[in-house]
Amino acid sequence: QLQVLFILQEALSNVRKHAQASSVLVQIDNGRDFMMTVQDDGLGFDMNTVAEKGEGHVGLRIMKERAERLAAQFDIKSLPDQGTTISLHLLRQERLVA
């Protein structure tokens, strides 16, 4: 639970620091599997440019590492001027282990 909270906190911090968004939508589905989505309508970014910068985007790397520790599926979708969506999917069997 704490790792999920830290991922959410980092995602919202990135929106505040970088996105210049007018709205953010956080959706949580705590059913059989756990799903969390954080979607903003901000500036977005080019995923290839971010990948080239490597360590320059520590927050994205930290979220990914936290998700890996949970054995969760983690995805970032973003395009310039089209916002960003971060999703976390933790399967039921992994929830029981975590």
PDB file of N, CA and C in Angstrom:
ATOM      1  N   GLN A   1       0.828  -1.192   0.000  1.00  0.00           N
ATOM      2  CA  GLN A   1       0.000   0.000   0.000  1.00  0.00           C
ATOM      3  C   GLN A   1       0.870   1.253   0.000  1.00  0.00           C
ATOM      4  N   LEU A   2       1.939   1.189   0.769  1.00  0.00           N
ATOM      5  CA  LEU A   2       2.815   2.349   0.865  1.00  0.00           C
ATOM      6  C   LEU A   2       3.494   2.639  -0.478  1.00  0.00           C
ATOM      7  N   GLN A   3       3.916   1.592  -1.178  1.00  0.00           N
ATOM      8  CA  GLN A   3       4.568   1.791  -2.477  1.00  0.00           C
ATOM      9  C   GLN A   3       3.597   2.415  -3.483  1.00  0.00           C
ATOM     10  N   VAL A   4       2.356   1.989  -3.460  1.00  0.00           N
ATOM     11  CA  VAL A   4       1.345   2.561  -4.344  1.00  0.00           C
ATOM     12  C   VAL A   4       1.137   4.034  -4.009  1.00  0.00           C
ATOM     13  N   LEU A   5       1.078   4.354  -2.744  1.00  0.00           N
ATOM     14  CA  LEU A   5       0.934   5.739  -2.323  1.00  0.00           C
ATOM     15  C   LEU A   5       2.115   6.592  -2.795  1.00  0.00           C
ATOM     16  N   PHE A   6       3.321   6.052  -2.709  1.00  0.00           N
ATOM     17  CA  PHE A   6       4.499   6.786  -3.166  1.00  0.00           C
ATOM     18  C   PHE A   6       4.470   7.011  -4.678  1.00  0.00           C
ATOM     19  N   ILE A   7       3.980   6.021  -5.431  1.00  0.00           N
ATOM     20  CA  ILE A   7       3.859   6.186  -6.879  1.00  0.00           C
ATOM     21  C   ILE A   7       2.847   7.287  -7.191  1.00  0.00           C
ATOM     22  N   LEU A   8       1.713   7.277  -6.507  1.00  0.00           N
ATOM     23  CA  LEU A   8       0.705   8.324  -6.703  1.00  0.00           C
ATOM     24  C   LEU A   8       1.275   9.692  -6.348  1.00  0.00           C
ATOM     25  N   GLN A   9       1.970   9.769  -5.244  1.00  0.00           N
ATOM     26  CA  GLN A   9       2.562  11.032  -4.805  1.00  0.00           C
ATOM     27  C   GLN A   9       3.550  11.564  -5.850  1.00  0.00           C
ATOM     28  N   GLU A  10       4.387  10.697  -6.388  1.00  0.00           N
ATOM     29  CA  GLU A  10       5.363  11.113  -7.400  1.00  0.00           C
ATOM     30  C   GLU A  10       4.667  11.554  -8.686  1.00  0.00           C
ATOM     31  N   ALA A  11       3.625  10.826  -9.087  1.00  0.00           N
ATOM     32  CA  ALA A  11       2.885  11.195 -10.292  1.00  0.00           C
ATOM     33  C   ALA A  11       2.262  12.583 -10.147  1.00  0.00           C
ATOM     34  N   LEU A  12       1.644  12.843  -9.001  1.00  0.00           N
ATOM     35  CA  LEU A  12       1.028  14.162  -8.775  1.00  0.00           C
ATOM     36  C   LEU A  12       2.080  15.257  -8.653  1.00  0.00           C
ATOM     37  N   SER A  13       3.214  14.928  -8.068  1.00  0.00           N
ATOM     38  CA  SER A  13       4.306  15.894  -7.975  1.00  0.00           C
ATOM     39  C   SER A  13       4.815  16.262  -9.372  1.00  0.00           C
ATOM     40  N   ASN A  14       4.925  15.270 -10.252  1.00  0.00           N
ATOM     41  CA  ASN A  14       5.356  15.546 -11.627  1.00  0.00           C
ATOM     42  C   ASN A  14       4.361  16.432 -12.360  1.00  0.00           C
ATOM     43  N   VAL A  15       3.079  16.203 -12.125  1.00  0.00           N
ATOM     44  CA  VAL A  15       2.059  17.060 -12.744  1.00  0.00           C
ATOM     45  C   VAL A  15       2.248  18.499 -12.264  1.00  0.00           C
ATOM     46  N   ARG A  16       2.421  18.648 -10.952  1.00  0.00           N
ATOM     47  CA  ARG A  16       2.578  19.992 -10.383  1.00  0.00           C
ATOM     48  C   ARG A  16       3.828  20.686 -10.913  1.00  0.00           C
ATOM     49  N   LYS A  17       4.935  19.972 -11.004  1.00  0.00           N
ATOM     50  CA  LYS A  17       6.214  20.569 -11.385  1.00  0.00           C
ATOM     51  C   LYS A  17       6.361  20.805 -12.888  1.00  0.00           C
ATOM     52  N   HIS A  18       5.799  19.918 -13.704  1.00  0.00           N
ATOM     53  CA  HIS A  18       6.149  19.926 -15.120  1.00  0.00           C
ATOM     54  C   HIS A  18       4.992  20.105 -16.093  1.00  0.00           C
ATOM     55  N   ALA A  19       3.811  19.622 -15.763  1.00  0.00           N
ATOM     56  CA  ALA A  19       2.761  19.471 -16.773  1.00  0.00           C
ATOM     57  C   ALA A  19       2.050  20.772 -17.157  1.00  0.00           C
ATOM     58  N   GLN A  20       1.965  21.710 -16.230  1.00  0.00           N
ATOM     59  CA  GLN A  20       1.168  22.920 -16.445  1.00  0.00           C
ATOM     60  C   GLN A  20      -0.268  22.529 -16.827  1.00  0.00           C
ATOM     61  N   ALA A  21      -0.786  21.548 -16.133  1.00  0.00           N
ATOM     62  CA  ALA A  21      -2.118  21.016 -16.419  1.00  0.00           C
ATOM     63  C   ALA A  21      -3.198  21.871 -15.769  1.00  0.00           C
ATOM     64  N   SER A  22      -4.365  21.877 -16.380  1.00  0.00           N
ATOM     65  CA  SER A  22      -5.507  22.545 -15.761  1.00  0.00           C
ATOM     66  C   SER A  22      -6.363  21.547 -14.992  1.00  0.00           C
ATOM     67  N   SER A  23      -6.184  20.245 -15.287  1.00  0.00           N
ATOM     68  CA  SER A  23      -6.922  19.236 -14.525  1.00  0.00           C
ATOM     69  C   SER A  23      -6.134  17.927 -14.473  1.00  0.00           C
ATOM     70  N   VAL A  24      -6.403  17.195 -13.405  1.00  0.00           N
ATOM     71  CA  VAL A  24      -5.802  15.871 -13.196  1.00  0.00           C
ATOM     72  C   VAL A  24      -6.923  14.946 -12.744  1.00  0.00           C
ATOM     73  N   LEU A  25      -6.959  13.761 -13.318  1.00  0.00           N
ATOM     74  CA  LEU A  25      -7.951  12.761 -12.942  1.00  0.00           C
ATOM     75  C   LEU A  25      -7.223  11.560 -12.366  1.00  0.00           C
ATOM     76  N   VAL A  26      -7.565  11.210 -11.129  1.00  0.00           N
ATOM     77  CA  VAL A  26      -7.007  10.014 -10.491  1.00  0.00           C
ATOM     78  C   VAL A  26      -8.144   9.015 -10.366  1.00  0.00           C
ATOM     79  N   GLN A  27      -7.942   7.826 -10.943  1.00  0.00           N
ATOM     80  CA  GLN A  27      -8.943   6.777 -10.865  1.00  0.00           C
ATOM     81  C   GLN A  27      -8.318   5.569 -10.173  1.00  0.00           C
ATOM     82  N   ILE A  28      -9.059   5.013  -9.222  1.00  0.00           N
ATOM     83  CA  ILE A  28      -8.603   3.826  -8.511  1.00  0.00           C
ATOM     84  C   ILE A  28      -9.716   2.796  -8.532  1.00  0.00           C
ATOM     85  N   ASP A  29      -9.346   1.594  -8.928  1.00  0.00           N
ATOM     86  CA  ASP A  29     -10.268   0.463  -8.911  1.00  0.00           C
ATOM     87  C   ASP A  29      -9.637  -0.586  -8.007  1.00  0.00           C
ATOM     88  N   ASN A  30     -10.206  -0.751  -6.824  1.00  0.00           N
ATOM     89  CA  ASN A  30      -9.660  -1.662  -5.831  1.00  0.00           C
ATOM     90  C   ASN A  30     -10.492  -2.939  -5.789  1.00  0.00           C
ATOM     91  N   GLY A  31     -10.648  -3.536  -6.970  1.00  0.00           N
ATOM     92  CA  GLY A  31     -11.411  -4.775  -7.068  1.00  0.00           C
ATOM     93  C   GLY A  31     -10.509  -5.983  -6.921  1.00  0.00           C
ATOM     94  N   ARG A  32     -10.815  -6.999  -7.681  1.00  0.00           N
ATOM     95  CA  ARG A  32     -10.003  -8.225  -7.647  1.00  0.00           C
ATOM     96  C   ARG A  32      -8.531  -7.885  -7.903  1.00  0.00           C
ATOM     97  N   ASP A  33      -8.275  -7.172  -8.984  1.00  0.00           N
ATOM     98  CA  ASP A  33      -6.961  -6.596  -9.243  1.00  0.00           C
ATOM     99  C   ASP A  33      -7.007  -5.142  -8.788  1.00  0.00           C
ATOM    100  N   PHE A  34      -5.858  -4.528  -8.637  1.00  0.00           N
ATOM    101  CA  PHE A  34      -5.784  -3.115  -8.283  1.00  0.00           C
ATOM    102  C   PHE A  34      -5.347  -2.343  -9.515  1.00  0.00           C
ATOM    103  N   MET A  35      -6.098  -1.294  -9.832  1.00  0.00           N
ATOM    104  CA  MET A  35      -5.761  -0.428 -10.961  1.00  0.00           C
ATOM    105  C   MET A  35      -5.743   1.020 -10.489  1.00  0.00           C
ATOM    106  N   MET A  36      -4.718   1.749 -10.919  1.00  0.00           N
ATOM    107  CA  MET A  36      -4.662   3.180 -10.637  1.00  0.00           C
ATOM    108  C   MET A  36      -4.220   3.885 -11.910  1.00  0.00           C
ATOM    109  N   THR A  37      -4.920   4.960 -12.234  1.00  0.00           N
ATOM    110  CA  THR A  37      -4.578   5.774 -13.393  1.00  0.00           C
ATOM    111  C   THR A  37      -4.533   7.231 -12.966  1.00  0.00           C
ATOM    112  N   VAL A  38      -3.477   7.919 -13.397  1.00  0.00           N
ATOM    113  CA  VAL A  38      -3.347   9.355 -13.169  1.00  0.00           C
ATOM    114  C   VAL A  38      -3.217   9.994 -14.547  1.00  0.00           C
ATOM    115  N   GLN A  39      -4.197  10.823 -14.893  1.00  0.00           N
ATOM    116  CA  GLN A  39      -4.244  11.414 -16.230  1.00  0.00           C
ATOM    117  C   GLN A  39      -4.325  12.930 -16.107  1.00  0.00           C
ATOM    118  N   ASP A  40      -3.449  13.624 -16.844  1.00  0.00           N
ATOM    119  CA  ASP A  40      -3.496  15.088 -16.836  1.00  0.00           C
ATOM    120  C   ASP A  40      -3.676  15.614 -18.257  1.00  0.00           C
ATOM    121  N   ASP A  41      -4.094  16.870 -18.355  1.00  0.00           N
ATOM    122  CA  ASP A  41      -4.288  17.508 -19.659  1.00  0.00           C
ATOM    123  C   ASP A  41      -3.187  18.535 -19.920  1.00  0.00           C
ATOM    124  N   GLY A  42      -2.015  18.258 -19.404  1.00  0.00           N
ATOM    125  CA  GLY A  42      -0.909  19.209 -19.482  1.00  0.00           C
ATOM    126  C   GLY A  42      -0.101  19.131 -20.767  1.00  0.00           C
ATOM    127  N   LEU A  43       1.141  19.616 -20.656  1.00  0.00           N
ATOM    128  CA  LEU A  43       2.028  19.740 -21.798  1.00  0.00           C
ATOM    129  C   LEU A  43       2.412  18.416 -22.437  1.00  0.00           C
ATOM    130  N   GLY A  44       2.461  17.362 -21.644  1.00  0.00           N
ATOM    131  CA  GLY A  44       2.914  16.083 -22.170  1.00  0.00           C
ATOM    132  C   GLY A  44       4.383  16.155 -22.553  1.00  0.00           C
ATOM    133  N   PHE A  45       4.893  15.056 -23.098  1.00  0.00           N
ATOM    134  CA  PHE A  45       6.290  15.027 -23.520  1.00  0.00           C
ATOM    135  C   PHE A  45       6.490  13.891 -24.505  1.00  0.00           C
ATOM    136  N   ASP A  46       7.612  13.945 -25.204  1.00  0.00           N
ATOM    137  CA  ASP A  46       7.976  12.908 -26.155  1.00  0.00           C
ATOM    138  C   ASP A  46       8.728  11.827 -25.399  1.00  0.00           C
ATOM    139  N   MET A  47       8.194  10.607 -25.392  1.00  0.00           N
ATOM    140  CA  MET A  47       8.801   9.503 -24.642  1.00  0.00           C
ATOM    141  C   MET A  47      10.223   9.206 -25.111  1.00  0.00           C
ATOM    142  N   ASN A  48      10.495   9.343 -26.398  1.00  0.00           N
ATOM    143  CA  ASN A  48      11.840   9.086 -26.917  1.00  0.00           C
ATOM    144  C   ASN A  48      12.850  10.102 -26.387  1.00  0.00           C
ATOM    145  N   THR A  49      12.448  11.348 -26.301  1.00  0.00           N
ATOM    146  CA  THR A  49      13.327  12.385 -25.772  1.00  0.00           C
ATOM    147  C   THR A  49      13.644  12.116 -24.310  1.00  0.00           C
ATOM    148  N   VAL A  50      12.650  11.701 -23.548  1.00  0.00           N
ATOM    149  CA  VAL A  50      12.845  11.381 -22.135  1.00  0.00           C
ATOM    150  C   VAL A  50      13.799  10.200 -21.998  1.00  0.00           C
ATOM    151  N   ALA A  51      13.630   9.192 -22.820  1.00  0.00           N
ATOM    152  CA  ALA A  51      14.495   8.007 -22.757  1.00  0.00           C
ATOM    153  C   ALA A  51      15.939   8.377 -23.060  1.00  0.00           C
ATOM    154  N   GLU A  52      16.146   9.296 -23.985  1.00  0.00           N
ATOM    155  CA  GLU A  52      17.501   9.731 -24.337  1.00  0.00           C
ATOM    156  C   GLU A  52      18.174  10.484 -23.195  1.00  0.00           C
ATOM    157  N   LYS A  53      17.384  11.204 -22.400  1.00  0.00           N
ATOM    158  CA  LYS A  53      17.943  11.976 -21.293  1.00  0.00           C
ATOM    159  C   LYS A  53      18.328  11.097 -20.108  1.00  0.00           C
ATOM    160  N   GLY A  54      17.787   9.887 -20.077  1.00  0.00           N
ATOM    161  CA  GLY A  54      18.174   8.918 -19.049  1.00  0.00           C
ATOM    162  C   GLY A  54      17.913   9.395 -17.639  1.00  0.00           C
ATOM    163  N   GLU A  55      18.965   9.612 -16.874  1.00  0.00           N
ATOM    164  CA  GLU A  55      18.874   9.936 -15.448  1.00  0.00           C
ATOM    165  C   GLU A  55      18.247  11.299 -15.177  1.00  0.00           C
ATOM    166  N   GLY A  56      18.033  12.097 -16.207  1.00  0.00           N
ATOM    167  CA  GLY A  56      17.455  13.423 -16.010  1.00  0.00           C
ATOM    168  C   GLY A  56      16.023  13.399 -15.506  1.00  0.00           C
ATOM    169  N   HIS A  57      15.361  12.276 -15.644  1.00  0.00           N
ATOM    170  CA  HIS A  57      13.966  12.156 -15.224  1.00  0.00           C
ATOM    171  C   HIS A  57      13.856  11.103 -14.126  1.00  0.00           C
ATOM    172  N   VAL A  58      14.388  11.459 -12.992  1.00  0.00           N
ATOM    173  CA  VAL A  58      14.478  10.545 -11.857  1.00  0.00           C
ATOM    174  C   VAL A  58      13.095  10.098 -11.392  1.00  0.00           C
ATOM    175  N   GLY A  59      12.121  10.994 -11.367  1.00  0.00           N
ATOM    176  CA  GLY A  59      10.792  10.660 -10.877  1.00  0.00           C
ATOM    177  C   GLY A  59      10.140   9.533 -11.654  1.00  0.00           C
ATOM    178  N   LEU A  60      10.263   9.560 -12.984  1.00  0.00           N
ATOM    179  CA  LEU A  60       9.683   8.498 -13.808  1.00  0.00           C
ATOM    180  C   LEU A  60      10.378   7.168 -13.528  1.00  0.00           C
ATOM    181  N   ARG A  61      11.680   7.210 -13.389  1.00  0.00           N
ATOM    182  CA  ARG A  61      12.445   5.986 -13.109  1.00  0.00           C
ATOM    183  C   ARG A  61      12.073   5.419 -11.742  1.00  0.00           C
ATOM    184  N   ILE A  62      11.925   6.293 -10.749  1.00  0.00           N
ATOM    185  CA  ILE A  62      11.574   5.842  -9.395  1.00  0.00           C
ATOM    186  C   ILE A  62      10.202   5.174  -9.384  1.00  0.00           C
ATOM    187  N   MET A  63       9.236   5.767 -10.085  1.00  0.00           N
ATOM    188  CA  MET A  63       7.904   5.154 -10.143  1.00  0.00           C
ATOM    189  C   MET A  63       7.979   3.771 -10.779  1.00  0.00           C
ATOM    190  N   LYS A  64       8.742   3.665 -11.853  1.00  0.00           N
ATOM    191  CA  LYS A  64       8.883   2.377 -12.533  1.00  0.00           C
ATOM    192  C   LYS A  64       9.537   1.351 -11.610  1.00  0.00           C
ATOM    193  N   GLU A  65      10.582   1.746 -10.892  1.00  0.00           N
ATOM    194  CA  GLU A  65      11.265   0.826  -9.977  1.00  0.00           C
ATOM    195  C   GLU A  65      10.340   0.370  -8.845  1.00  0.00           C
ATOM    196  N   ARG A  66       9.546   1.285  -8.309  1.00  0.00           N
ATOM    197  CA  ARG A  66       8.603   0.916  -7.249  1.00  0.00           C
ATOM    198  C   ARG A  66       7.587  -0.095  -7.771  1.00  0.00           C
ATOM    199  N   ALA A  67       7.085   0.125  -8.980  1.00  0.00           N
ATOM    200  CA  ALA A  67       6.127  -0.802  -9.578  1.00  0.00           C
ATOM    201  C   ALA A  67       6.764  -2.175  -9.794  1.00  0.00           C
ATOM    202  N   GLU A  68       8.018  -2.190 -10.225  1.00  0.00           N
ATOM    203  CA  GLU A  68       8.713  -3.467 -10.425  1.00  0.00           C
ATOM    204  C   GLU A  68       8.840  -4.232  -9.111  1.00  0.00           C
ATOM    205  N   ARG A  69       9.099  -3.522  -8.014  1.00  0.00           N
ATOM    206  CA  ARG A  69       9.203  -4.176  -6.707  1.00  0.00           C
ATOM    207  C   ARG A  69       7.893  -4.858  -6.313  1.00  0.00           C
ATOM    208  N   LEU A  70       6.786  -4.302  -6.790  1.00  0.00           N
ATOM    209  CA  LEU A  70       5.471  -4.869  -6.498  1.00  0.00           C
ATOM    210  C   LEU A  70       5.053  -5.925  -7.522  1.00  0.00           C
ATOM    211  N   ALA A  71       5.880  -6.113  -8.547  1.00  0.00           N
ATOM    212  CA  ALA A  71       5.536  -6.982  -9.677  1.00  0.00           C
ATOM    213  C   ALA A  71       4.273  -6.471 -10.377  1.00  0.00           C
ATOM    214  N   ALA A  72       4.137  -5.159 -10.421  1.00  0.00           N
ATOM    215  CA  ALA A  72       2.972  -4.525 -11.050  1.00  0.00           C
ATOM    216  C   ALA A  72       3.317  -4.098 -12.479  1.00  0.00           C
ATOM    217  N   GLN A  73       2.304  -4.017 -13.304  1.00  0.00           N
ATOM    218  CA  GLN A  73       2.470  -3.485 -14.649  1.00  0.00           C
ATOM    219  C   GLN A  73       2.379  -1.962 -14.543  1.00  0.00           C
ATOM    220  N   PHE A  74       3.331  -1.282 -15.152  1.00  0.00           N
ATOM    221  CA  PHE A  74       3.399   0.176 -15.075  1.00  0.00           C
ATOM    222  C   PHE A  74       3.543   0.711 -16.480  1.00  0.00           C
ATOM    223  N   ASP A  75       2.769   1.737 -16.804  1.00  0.00           N
ATOM    224  CA  ASP A  75       2.794   2.276 -18.160  1.00  0.00           C
ATOM    225  C   ASP A  75       2.688   3.792 -18.118  1.00  0.00           C
ATOM    226  N   ILE A  76       3.440   4.422 -19.003  1.00  0.00           N
ATOM    227  CA  ILE A  76       3.382   5.877 -19.167  1.00  0.00           C
ATOM    228  C   ILE A  76       3.057   6.144 -20.623  1.00  0.00           C
ATOM    229  N   LYS A  77       2.014   6.920 -20.846  1.00  0.00           N
ATOM    230  CA  LYS A  77       1.661   7.350 -22.198  1.00  0.00           C
ATOM    231  C   LYS A  77       1.632   8.865 -22.204  1.00  0.00           C
ATOM    232  N   SER A  78       2.374   9.443 -23.120  1.00  0.00           N
ATOM    233  CA  SER A  78       2.411  10.888 -23.190  1.00  0.00           C
ATOM    234  C   SER A  78       2.772  11.327 -24.600  1.00  0.00           C
ATOM    235  N   LEU A  79       2.186  12.430 -25.006  1.00  0.00           N
ATOM    236  CA  LEU A  79       2.518  13.064 -26.274  1.00  0.00           C
ATOM    237  C   LEU A  79       2.575  14.568 -26.043  1.00  0.00           C
ATOM    238  N   PRO A  80       3.485  15.259 -26.727  1.00  0.00           N
ATOM    239  CA  PRO A  80       3.544  16.713 -26.566  1.00  0.00           C
ATOM    240  C   PRO A  80       2.180  17.355 -26.815  1.00  0.00           C
ATOM    241  N   ASP A  81       1.813  18.256 -25.927  1.00  0.00           N
ATOM    242  CA  ASP A  81       0.550  19.010 -25.986  1.00  0.00           C
ATOM    243  C   ASP A  81      -0.704  18.140 -25.861  1.00  0.00           C
ATOM    244  N   GLN A  82      -0.556  16.883 -25.418  1.00  0.00           N
ATOM    245  CA  GLN A  82      -1.722  16.014 -25.273  1.00  0.00           C
ATOM    246  C   GLN A  82      -1.795  15.363 -23.898  1.00  0.00           C
ATOM    247  N   GLY A  83      -1.009  15.835 -22.964  1.00  0.00           N
ATOM    248  CA  GLY A  83      -1.099  15.323 -21.608  1.00  0.00           C
ATOM    249  C   GLY A  83      -0.372  14.004 -21.408  1.00  0.00           C
ATOM    250  N   THR A  84      -0.504  13.502 -20.195  1.00  0.00           N
ATOM    251  CA  THR A  84       0.189  12.281 -19.795  1.00  0.00           C
ATOM    252  C   THR A  84      -0.764  11.398 -18.997  1.00  0.00           C
ATOM    253  N   THR A  85      -0.648  10.096 -19.207  1.00  0.00           N
ATOM    254  CA  THR A  85      -1.396   9.120 -18.427  1.00  0.00           C
ATOM    255  C   THR A  85      -0.416   8.095 -17.875  1.00  0.00           C
ATOM    256  N   ILE A  86      -0.476   7.913 -16.574  1.00  0.00           N
ATOM    257  CA  ILE A  86       0.342   6.914 -15.901  1.00  0.00           C
ATOM    258  C   ILE A  86      -0.615   5.886 -15.321  1.00  0.00           C
ATOM    259  N   SER A  87      -0.331   4.605 -15.583  1.00  0.00           N
ATOM    260  CA  SER A  87      -1.214   3.567 -15.054  1.00  0.00           C
ATOM    261  C   SER A  87      -0.409   2.496 -14.338  1.00  0.00           C
ATOM    262  N   LEU A  88      -1.028   1.955 -13.306  1.00  0.00           N
ATOM    263  CA  LEU A  88      -0.447   0.901 -12.485  1.00  0.00           C
ATOM    264  C   LEU A  88      -1.488  -0.201 -12.363  1.00  0.00           C
ATOM    265  N   HIS A  89      -1.078  -1.440 -12.637  1.00  0.00           N
ATOM    266  CA  HIS A  89      -1.996  -2.578 -12.571  1.00  0.00           C
ATOM    267  C   HIS A  89      -1.316  -3.668 -11.760  1.00  0.00           C
ATOM    268  N   LEU A  90      -1.919  -3.995 -10.643  1.00  0.00           N
ATOM    269  CA  LEU A  90      -1.387  -5.022  -9.761  1.00  0.00           C
ATOM    270  C   LEU A  90      -2.381  -6.183  -9.733  1.00  0.00           C
ATOM    271  N   LEU A  91      -1.944  -7.315 -10.260  1.00  0.00           N
ATOM    272  CA  LEU A  91      -2.812  -8.493 -10.308  1.00  0.00           C
ATOM    273  C   LEU A  91      -3.105  -9.017  -8.910  1.00  0.00           C
ATOM    274  N   ARG A  92      -4.245  -9.663  -8.768  1.00  0.00           N
ATOM    275  CA  ARG A  92      -4.693 -10.181  -7.474  1.00  0.00           C
ATOM    276  C   ARG A  92      -3.634 -11.061  -6.813  1.00  0.00           C
ATOM    277  N   GLN A  93      -3.043 -11.966  -7.582  1.00  0.00           N
ATOM    278  CA  GLN A  93      -2.069 -12.877  -6.986  1.00  0.00           C
ATOM    279  C   GLN A  93      -0.831 -12.140  -6.481  1.00  0.00           C
ATOM    280  N   GLU A  94      -0.463 -11.038  -7.125  1.00  0.00           N
ATOM    281  CA  GLU A  94       0.672 -10.238  -6.660  1.00  0.00           C
ATOM    282  C   GLU A  94       0.288  -9.421  -5.437  1.00  0.00           C
ATOM    283  N   ARG A  95      -0.965  -9.025  -5.358  1.00  0.00           N
ATOM    284  CA  ARG A  95      -1.434  -8.291  -4.178  1.00  0.00           C
ATOM    285  C   ARG A  95      -1.326  -9.143  -2.936  1.00  0.00           C
ATOM    286  N   LEU A  96      -1.647 -10.409  -3.073  1.00  0.00           N
ATOM    287  CA  LEU A  96      -1.587 -11.312  -1.929  1.00  0.00           C
ATOM    288  C   LEU A  96      -0.158 -11.494  -1.434  1.00  0.00           C
ATOM    289  N   VAL A  97       0.803 -11.470  -2.341  1.00  0.00           N
ATOM    290  CA  VAL A  97       2.211 -11.600  -1.983  1.00  0.00           C
ATOM    291  C   VAL A  97       2.720 -10.324  -1.337  1.00  0.00           C
ATOM    292  N   ALA A  98       2.324  -9.178  -1.914  1.00  0.00           N
ATOM    293  CA  ALA A  98       2.787  -7.879  -1.421  1.00  0.00           C
ATOM    294  C   ALA A  98       2.188  -7.595  -0.062  1.00  0.00           C
TER     295      ALA A  98
END
